[in-house]
Every structure is written in structure tokens, then in C-alpha cells.
Amino acid sequence: MTEKRQNQPLTKDRIVGMQVVDADGYFVGKVRDISLCVGEMDQALVIETTDGEEEVHRWSEVAGAGDLILLRPTAPEPGTIPAQATEPASPGGTARHCGSCGASLDPGALFCGSCGVRVA
């Protein structure tokens, strides 16, 4: 069994190359680099996504780091209303779809796995 490294500093060498997973458990990409947020007490992860794009996530958006990086749920843009599922959740297991992009939602999902919008 691997020893947990709780409260151990994470070096750049250890973080670069780590897999990044969103709050719903979906693979986002891998850490390519770490940057500093000038004038703030925060760092950021530069992530190469699965489609080859680059995303930057501040360290304050990270929920945890162990064998992988786990991102916190994303908040909706200020002033926007979360998209509602097109069908209500039902105990019988009826499929729900995102009101924003139409993708099927997993049972109990709070965020769309396709577009990331909150569907509570």
C-alpha cells in the first residue's frame, strides 16, 4: 500500500504531468506548467486539455491533490441563472438532459458533464 503524503509540500516536478479531474470526476487533462498570479497570493495550473487546448486554473480552484488534481465545482457566472434540467429527476430513473446544451445527465448530477453548466 502506498503511503499517503498528507501535508507534504507539492513540488513543481511532482505536479507537472499530474492528471486533472473536474468535480464530477471527468478527466480534464494534464498539468503542463505552474504559473504565479502577479500581485496576488495565488498560483495557477496550466493544463493541457484532452482536446489539445490550454486552460488555466488557479490553485484556489483545486479541491485536492494526491495521485491526481481534483478541481472544485465551478460557480455560475455572476448574474446568470443555472440551467435547469429539461426533465425533472424522477425516482423511476427517467433520463434528464441539460437545459443549456441538451446532453444527457447522470443521475444526481449537479453539473453537466458536457458543457459544465450547473443543472441543480
N, C-alpha and C. Protein backbone atom coordinates (compact mmCIF):
# COMPACT_ATOMS: atom_id res chain seq x y z
N MET A 1 0.85 -1.18 0.00
CA MET A 1 0.00 0.00 0.00
C MET A 1 0.89 1.24 0.00
N THR A 2 0.54 2.21 -0.81
CA THR A 2 1.33 3.44 -0.92
C THR A 2 1.05 4.35 0.26
N GLU A 3 2.11 4.93 0.80
CA GLU A 3 1.97 5.85 1.93
C GLU A 3 1.38 7.16 1.44
N LYS A 4 0.37 7.67 2.18
CA LYS A 4 -0.22 8.96 1.82
C LYS A 4 0.74 10.06 2.20
N ARG A 5 0.77 11.11 1.38
CA ARG A 5 1.70 12.21 1.59
C ARG A 5 0.95 13.45 2.08
N GLN A 6 0.13 13.29 3.10
CA GLN A 6 -0.63 14.42 3.61
C GLN A 6 0.30 15.47 4.19
N ASN A 7 -0.05 16.72 3.96
CA ASN A 7 0.70 17.86 4.47
C ASN A 7 2.14 17.92 3.96
N GLN A 8 2.41 17.24 2.87
CA GLN A 8 3.73 17.31 2.26
C GLN A 8 3.69 18.39 1.18
N PRO A 9 4.73 19.20 1.09
CA PRO A 9 4.75 20.21 0.02
C PRO A 9 4.72 19.53 -1.35
N LEU A 10 4.01 20.15 -2.27
CA LEU A 10 3.97 19.63 -3.64
C LEU A 10 4.95 20.45 -4.47
N THR A 11 5.95 19.79 -4.99
CA THR A 11 6.93 20.48 -5.82
C THR A 11 6.42 20.57 -7.25
N LYS A 12 6.98 21.50 -7.99
CA LYS A 12 6.62 21.65 -9.40
C LYS A 12 6.88 20.34 -10.14
N ASP A 13 8.01 19.69 -9.85
CA ASP A 13 8.34 18.45 -10.53
C ASP A 13 7.28 17.37 -10.30
N ARG A 14 6.66 17.37 -9.13
CA ARG A 14 5.64 16.38 -8.83
C ARG A 14 4.30 16.74 -9.49
N ILE A 15 3.98 18.04 -9.53
CA ILE A 15 2.68 18.47 -10.06
C ILE A 15 2.62 18.40 -11.58
N VAL A 16 3.69 18.83 -12.24
CA VAL A 16 3.70 18.81 -13.71
C VAL A 16 3.56 17.36 -14.18
N GLY A 17 2.59 17.15 -15.06
CA GLY A 17 2.32 15.81 -15.58
C GLY A 17 1.17 15.12 -14.86
N MET A 18 0.72 15.67 -13.72
CA MET A 18 -0.39 15.04 -13.00
C MET A 18 -1.69 15.18 -13.79
N GLN A 19 -2.55 14.18 -13.68
CA GLN A 19 -3.85 14.23 -14.31
C GLN A 19 -4.75 15.17 -13.51
N VAL A 20 -5.64 15.87 -14.22
CA VAL A 20 -6.59 16.79 -13.59
C VAL A 20 -8.00 16.28 -13.87
N VAL A 21 -8.81 16.23 -12.81
CA VAL A 21 -10.17 15.73 -12.89
C VAL A 21 -11.11 16.83 -12.37
N ASP A 22 -12.26 17.01 -13.05
CA ASP A 22 -13.20 18.02 -12.58
C ASP A 22 -14.01 17.49 -11.40
N ALA A 23 -14.86 18.34 -10.84
CA ALA A 23 -15.62 17.99 -9.64
C ALA A 23 -16.59 16.84 -9.86
N ASP A 24 -16.94 16.56 -11.11
CA ASP A 24 -17.83 15.45 -11.42
C ASP A 24 -17.08 14.16 -11.72
N GLY A 25 -15.74 14.20 -11.62
CA GLY A 25 -14.95 13.00 -11.85
C GLY A 25 -14.51 12.77 -13.27
N TYR A 26 -14.66 13.77 -14.13
CA TYR A 26 -14.26 13.62 -15.53
C TYR A 26 -12.85 14.14 -15.74
N PHE A 27 -12.10 13.41 -16.56
CA PHE A 27 -10.72 13.77 -16.89
C PHE A 27 -10.72 15.06 -17.69
N VAL A 28 -9.94 16.05 -17.24
CA VAL A 28 -9.83 17.35 -17.92
C VAL A 28 -8.58 17.38 -18.79
N GLY A 29 -7.46 16.91 -18.25
CA GLY A 29 -6.20 16.94 -18.97
C GLY A 29 -5.05 16.71 -18.00
N LYS A 30 -3.86 17.19 -18.39
CA LYS A 30 -2.67 17.04 -17.55
C LYS A 30 -2.04 18.40 -17.31
N VAL A 31 -1.43 18.54 -16.13
CA VAL A 31 -0.74 19.78 -15.79
C VAL A 31 0.50 19.89 -16.66
N ARG A 32 0.60 21.01 -17.39
CA ARG A 32 1.76 21.25 -18.24
C ARG A 32 2.78 22.16 -17.55
N ASP A 33 2.27 23.09 -16.71
CA ASP A 33 3.17 24.04 -16.05
C ASP A 33 2.43 24.67 -14.87
N ILE A 34 3.17 25.42 -14.08
CA ILE A 34 2.62 26.17 -12.96
C ILE A 34 3.02 27.63 -13.16
N SER A 35 2.10 28.54 -12.88
CA SER A 35 2.42 29.96 -13.02
C SER A 35 2.03 30.70 -11.74
N LEU A 36 2.56 31.88 -11.60
CA LEU A 36 2.25 32.73 -10.46
C LEU A 36 1.27 33.80 -10.89
N CYS A 37 0.35 34.16 -10.02
CA CYS A 37 -0.59 35.25 -10.28
C CYS A 37 0.02 36.50 -9.67
N VAL A 38 0.57 37.36 -10.51
CA VAL A 38 1.29 38.55 -10.06
C VAL A 38 0.37 39.45 -9.24
N GLY A 39 0.87 39.91 -8.11
CA GLY A 39 0.12 40.80 -7.24
C GLY A 39 -0.87 40.10 -6.34
N GLU A 40 -0.93 38.78 -6.40
CA GLU A 40 -1.85 38.00 -5.58
C GLU A 40 -1.10 36.86 -4.91
N MET A 41 -1.68 36.35 -3.87
CA MET A 41 -1.09 35.21 -3.18
C MET A 41 -1.71 33.92 -3.73
N ASP A 42 -1.54 33.69 -5.01
CA ASP A 42 -2.13 32.52 -5.64
C ASP A 42 -1.23 32.06 -6.78
N GLN A 43 -1.28 30.79 -7.06
CA GLN A 43 -0.59 30.23 -8.22
C GLN A 43 -1.67 29.69 -9.14
N ALA A 44 -1.26 29.26 -10.31
CA ALA A 44 -2.21 28.69 -11.26
C ALA A 44 -1.59 27.49 -11.95
N LEU A 45 -2.45 26.57 -12.31
CA LEU A 45 -2.04 25.40 -13.07
C LEU A 45 -2.33 25.65 -14.54
N VAL A 46 -1.37 25.40 -15.39
CA VAL A 46 -1.58 25.46 -16.83
C VAL A 46 -1.83 24.01 -17.26
N ILE A 47 -3.03 23.77 -17.76
CA ILE A 47 -3.47 22.41 -18.07
C ILE A 47 -3.63 22.24 -19.58
N GLU A 48 -3.06 21.17 -20.10
CA GLU A 48 -3.31 20.80 -21.49
C GLU A 48 -4.50 19.86 -21.48
N THR A 49 -5.60 20.31 -22.07
CA THR A 49 -6.84 19.54 -22.04
C THR A 49 -6.78 18.37 -23.02
N THR A 50 -7.77 17.51 -22.92
CA THR A 50 -7.82 16.33 -23.78
C THR A 50 -7.94 16.68 -25.25
N ASP A 51 -8.47 17.88 -25.56
CA ASP A 51 -8.58 18.29 -26.97
C ASP A 51 -7.42 19.17 -27.41
N GLY A 52 -6.33 19.20 -26.62
CA GLY A 52 -5.13 19.92 -27.00
C GLY A 52 -5.14 21.40 -26.69
N GLU A 53 -6.22 21.90 -26.09
CA GLU A 53 -6.31 23.31 -25.72
C GLU A 53 -5.58 23.54 -24.40
N GLU A 54 -5.44 24.80 -24.05
CA GLU A 54 -4.81 25.18 -22.78
C GLU A 54 -5.83 25.85 -21.88
N GLU A 55 -5.91 25.39 -20.63
CA GLU A 55 -6.76 26.01 -19.62
C GLU A 55 -5.88 26.42 -18.46
N VAL A 56 -6.25 27.50 -17.80
CA VAL A 56 -5.53 27.94 -16.61
C VAL A 56 -6.52 27.90 -15.45
N HIS A 57 -6.16 27.20 -14.39
CA HIS A 57 -6.98 27.12 -13.18
C HIS A 57 -6.14 27.56 -11.99
N ARG A 58 -6.65 28.52 -11.25
CA ARG A 58 -5.96 29.00 -10.06
C ARG A 58 -5.91 27.88 -9.02
N TRP A 59 -4.88 27.90 -8.20
CA TRP A 59 -4.74 26.89 -7.15
C TRP A 59 -5.93 26.94 -6.21
N SER A 60 -6.54 28.12 -6.03
CA SER A 60 -7.72 28.24 -5.17
C SER A 60 -8.91 27.47 -5.74
N GLU A 61 -8.86 27.05 -7.00
CA GLU A 61 -9.92 26.24 -7.63
C GLU A 61 -9.68 24.75 -7.41
N VAL A 62 -8.60 24.39 -6.75
CA VAL A 62 -8.25 22.99 -6.54
C VAL A 62 -8.83 22.51 -5.21
N ALA A 63 -9.60 21.42 -5.26
CA ALA A 63 -10.19 20.85 -4.06
C ALA A 63 -9.22 19.91 -3.35
N GLY A 64 -8.35 19.26 -4.11
CA GLY A 64 -7.41 18.33 -3.52
C GLY A 64 -6.35 17.91 -4.52
N ALA A 65 -5.24 17.42 -3.97
CA ALA A 65 -4.14 16.94 -4.80
C ALA A 65 -3.51 15.75 -4.10
N GLY A 66 -3.47 14.64 -4.80
CA GLY A 66 -2.87 13.42 -4.27
C GLY A 66 -2.22 12.69 -5.42
N ASP A 67 -2.89 11.64 -5.89
CA ASP A 67 -2.43 10.94 -7.08
C ASP A 67 -2.86 11.70 -8.34
N LEU A 68 -3.80 12.63 -8.17
CA LEU A 68 -4.28 13.48 -9.26
C LEU A 68 -4.74 14.80 -8.67
N ILE A 69 -5.07 15.75 -9.53
CA ILE A 69 -5.57 17.06 -9.09
C ILE A 69 -7.08 17.04 -9.26
N LEU A 70 -7.82 17.38 -8.20
CA LEU A 70 -9.27 17.43 -8.22
C LEU A 70 -9.71 18.88 -8.14
N LEU A 71 -10.45 19.33 -9.16
CA LEU A 71 -10.93 20.71 -9.19
C LEU A 71 -12.23 20.84 -8.41
N ARG A 72 -12.45 22.03 -7.85
CA ARG A 72 -13.71 22.34 -7.17
C ARG A 72 -14.80 22.54 -8.22
N PRO A 73 -16.08 22.39 -7.80
CA PRO A 73 -17.17 22.70 -8.74
C PRO A 73 -17.07 24.16 -9.17
N THR A 74 -17.39 24.42 -10.42
CA THR A 74 -17.34 25.79 -10.91
C THR A 74 -18.64 26.50 -10.59
N ALA A 75 -18.53 27.75 -10.20
CA ALA A 75 -19.69 28.56 -9.90
C ALA A 75 -20.22 29.17 -11.20
N PRO A 76 -21.52 29.38 -11.29
CA PRO A 76 -22.04 30.03 -12.49
C PRO A 76 -21.55 31.47 -12.57
N GLU A 77 -21.52 32.02 -13.77
CA GLU A 77 -21.11 33.40 -13.97
C GLU A 77 -22.03 34.31 -13.15
N PRO A 78 -21.48 35.38 -12.57
CA PRO A 78 -22.33 36.31 -11.80
C PRO A 78 -23.47 36.83 -12.67
N GLY A 79 -24.67 36.84 -12.10
CA GLY A 79 -25.82 37.36 -12.82
C GLY A 79 -26.52 36.36 -13.71
N THR A 80 -25.98 35.12 -13.80
CA THR A 80 -26.64 34.11 -14.63
C THR A 80 -27.45 33.18 -13.75
N ILE A 81 -28.45 32.60 -14.34
CA ILE A 81 -29.30 31.65 -13.63
C ILE A 81 -28.88 30.26 -14.07
N PRO A 82 -28.65 29.35 -13.12
CA PRO A 82 -28.26 28.00 -13.51
C PRO A 82 -29.30 27.37 -14.44
N ALA A 83 -28.83 26.66 -15.46
CA ALA A 83 -29.74 25.98 -16.38
C ALA A 83 -30.47 24.88 -15.64
N GLN A 84 -31.72 24.72 -15.92
CA GLN A 84 -32.50 23.66 -15.30
C GLN A 84 -32.50 22.45 -16.22
N ALA A 85 -32.58 21.29 -15.65
CA ALA A 85 -32.69 20.08 -16.47
C ALA A 85 -34.00 20.14 -17.22
N THR A 86 -34.04 19.59 -18.44
CA THR A 86 -35.25 19.67 -19.25
C THR A 86 -36.34 18.75 -18.74
N GLU A 87 -35.98 17.70 -18.01
CA GLU A 87 -36.98 16.86 -17.37
C GLU A 87 -36.64 16.78 -15.89
N PRO A 88 -37.63 16.76 -15.03
CA PRO A 88 -37.33 16.65 -13.60
C PRO A 88 -36.75 15.27 -13.28
N ALA A 89 -35.94 15.24 -12.23
CA ALA A 89 -35.41 13.96 -11.78
C ALA A 89 -36.57 13.13 -11.26
N SER A 90 -36.56 11.86 -11.56
CA SER A 90 -37.65 11.03 -11.07
C SER A 90 -37.07 9.78 -10.42
N PRO A 91 -37.78 9.27 -9.43
CA PRO A 91 -37.30 8.06 -8.76
C PRO A 91 -37.23 6.87 -9.71
N GLY A 92 -38.03 6.89 -10.80
CA GLY A 92 -38.05 5.78 -11.75
C GLY A 92 -36.85 5.75 -12.67
N GLY A 93 -35.95 6.74 -12.59
CA GLY A 93 -34.75 6.73 -13.39
C GLY A 93 -34.90 7.36 -14.76
N THR A 94 -35.94 8.18 -14.98
CA THR A 94 -36.10 8.85 -16.27
C THR A 94 -34.88 9.71 -16.54
N ALA A 95 -34.36 9.65 -17.75
CA ALA A 95 -33.16 10.41 -18.11
C ALA A 95 -33.45 11.90 -18.08
N ARG A 96 -32.47 12.67 -17.63
CA ARG A 96 -32.56 14.12 -17.66
C ARG A 96 -31.57 14.62 -18.69
N HIS A 97 -31.83 15.83 -19.20
CA HIS A 97 -30.95 16.45 -20.18
C HIS A 97 -30.64 17.87 -19.76
N CYS A 98 -29.45 18.33 -20.09
CA CYS A 98 -29.02 19.69 -19.78
C CYS A 98 -29.88 20.70 -20.52
N GLY A 99 -30.37 21.71 -19.81
CA GLY A 99 -31.17 22.75 -20.42
C GLY A 99 -30.34 23.69 -21.27
N SER A 100 -29.02 23.63 -21.13
CA SER A 100 -28.15 24.53 -21.89
C SER A 100 -27.69 23.90 -23.20
N CYS A 101 -27.18 22.65 -23.13
CA CYS A 101 -26.63 22.03 -24.35
C CYS A 101 -27.38 20.78 -24.80
N GLY A 102 -28.30 20.27 -23.96
CA GLY A 102 -29.09 19.11 -24.34
C GLY A 102 -28.47 17.76 -24.06
N ALA A 103 -27.26 17.74 -23.49
CA ALA A 103 -26.58 16.46 -23.21
C ALA A 103 -27.31 15.70 -22.11
N SER A 104 -27.23 14.37 -22.15
CA SER A 104 -27.81 13.54 -21.10
C SER A 104 -27.05 13.77 -19.80
N LEU A 105 -27.81 13.79 -18.71
CA LEU A 105 -27.20 14.00 -17.40
C LEU A 105 -27.17 12.70 -16.62
N ASP A 106 -26.10 12.50 -15.87
CA ASP A 106 -26.02 11.35 -14.99
C ASP A 106 -26.99 11.55 -13.83
N PRO A 107 -27.54 10.48 -13.27
CA PRO A 107 -28.44 10.63 -12.12
C PRO A 107 -27.74 11.37 -10.98
N GLY A 108 -28.41 12.37 -10.45
CA GLY A 108 -27.88 13.13 -9.33
C GLY A 108 -26.84 14.18 -9.69
N ALA A 109 -26.55 14.36 -10.99
CA ALA A 109 -25.53 15.32 -11.40
C ALA A 109 -25.96 16.73 -11.06
N LEU A 110 -25.02 17.52 -10.55
CA LEU A 110 -25.26 18.93 -10.27
C LEU A 110 -24.77 19.80 -11.41
N PHE A 111 -23.84 19.26 -12.22
CA PHE A 111 -23.26 19.99 -13.33
C PHE A 111 -23.32 19.10 -14.58
N CYS A 112 -23.49 19.73 -15.72
CA CYS A 112 -23.48 18.99 -16.98
C CYS A 112 -22.06 18.51 -17.28
N GLY A 113 -21.91 17.25 -17.58
CA GLY A 113 -20.60 16.70 -17.90
C GLY A 113 -20.09 17.14 -19.25
N SER A 114 -20.97 17.69 -20.09
CA SER A 114 -20.57 18.12 -21.42
C SER A 114 -20.16 19.60 -21.45
N CYS A 115 -21.05 20.48 -20.95
CA CYS A 115 -20.74 21.92 -21.04
C CYS A 115 -20.36 22.53 -19.70
N GLY A 116 -20.55 21.79 -18.58
CA GLY A 116 -20.13 22.27 -17.27
C GLY A 116 -21.11 23.19 -16.56
N VAL A 117 -22.26 23.49 -17.17
CA VAL A 117 -23.22 24.40 -16.54
C VAL A 117 -23.91 23.69 -15.38
N ARG A 118 -24.22 24.45 -14.33
CA ARG A 118 -24.91 23.89 -13.17
C ARG A 118 -26.35 23.57 -13.57
N VAL A 119 -26.82 22.37 -13.22
CA VAL A 119 -28.15 21.92 -13.59
C VAL A 119 -29.02 21.55 -12.39
N ALA A 120 -28.67 22.02 -11.22
CA ALA A 120 -29.35 21.65 -9.97
C ALA A 120 -30.82 21.65 -10.00
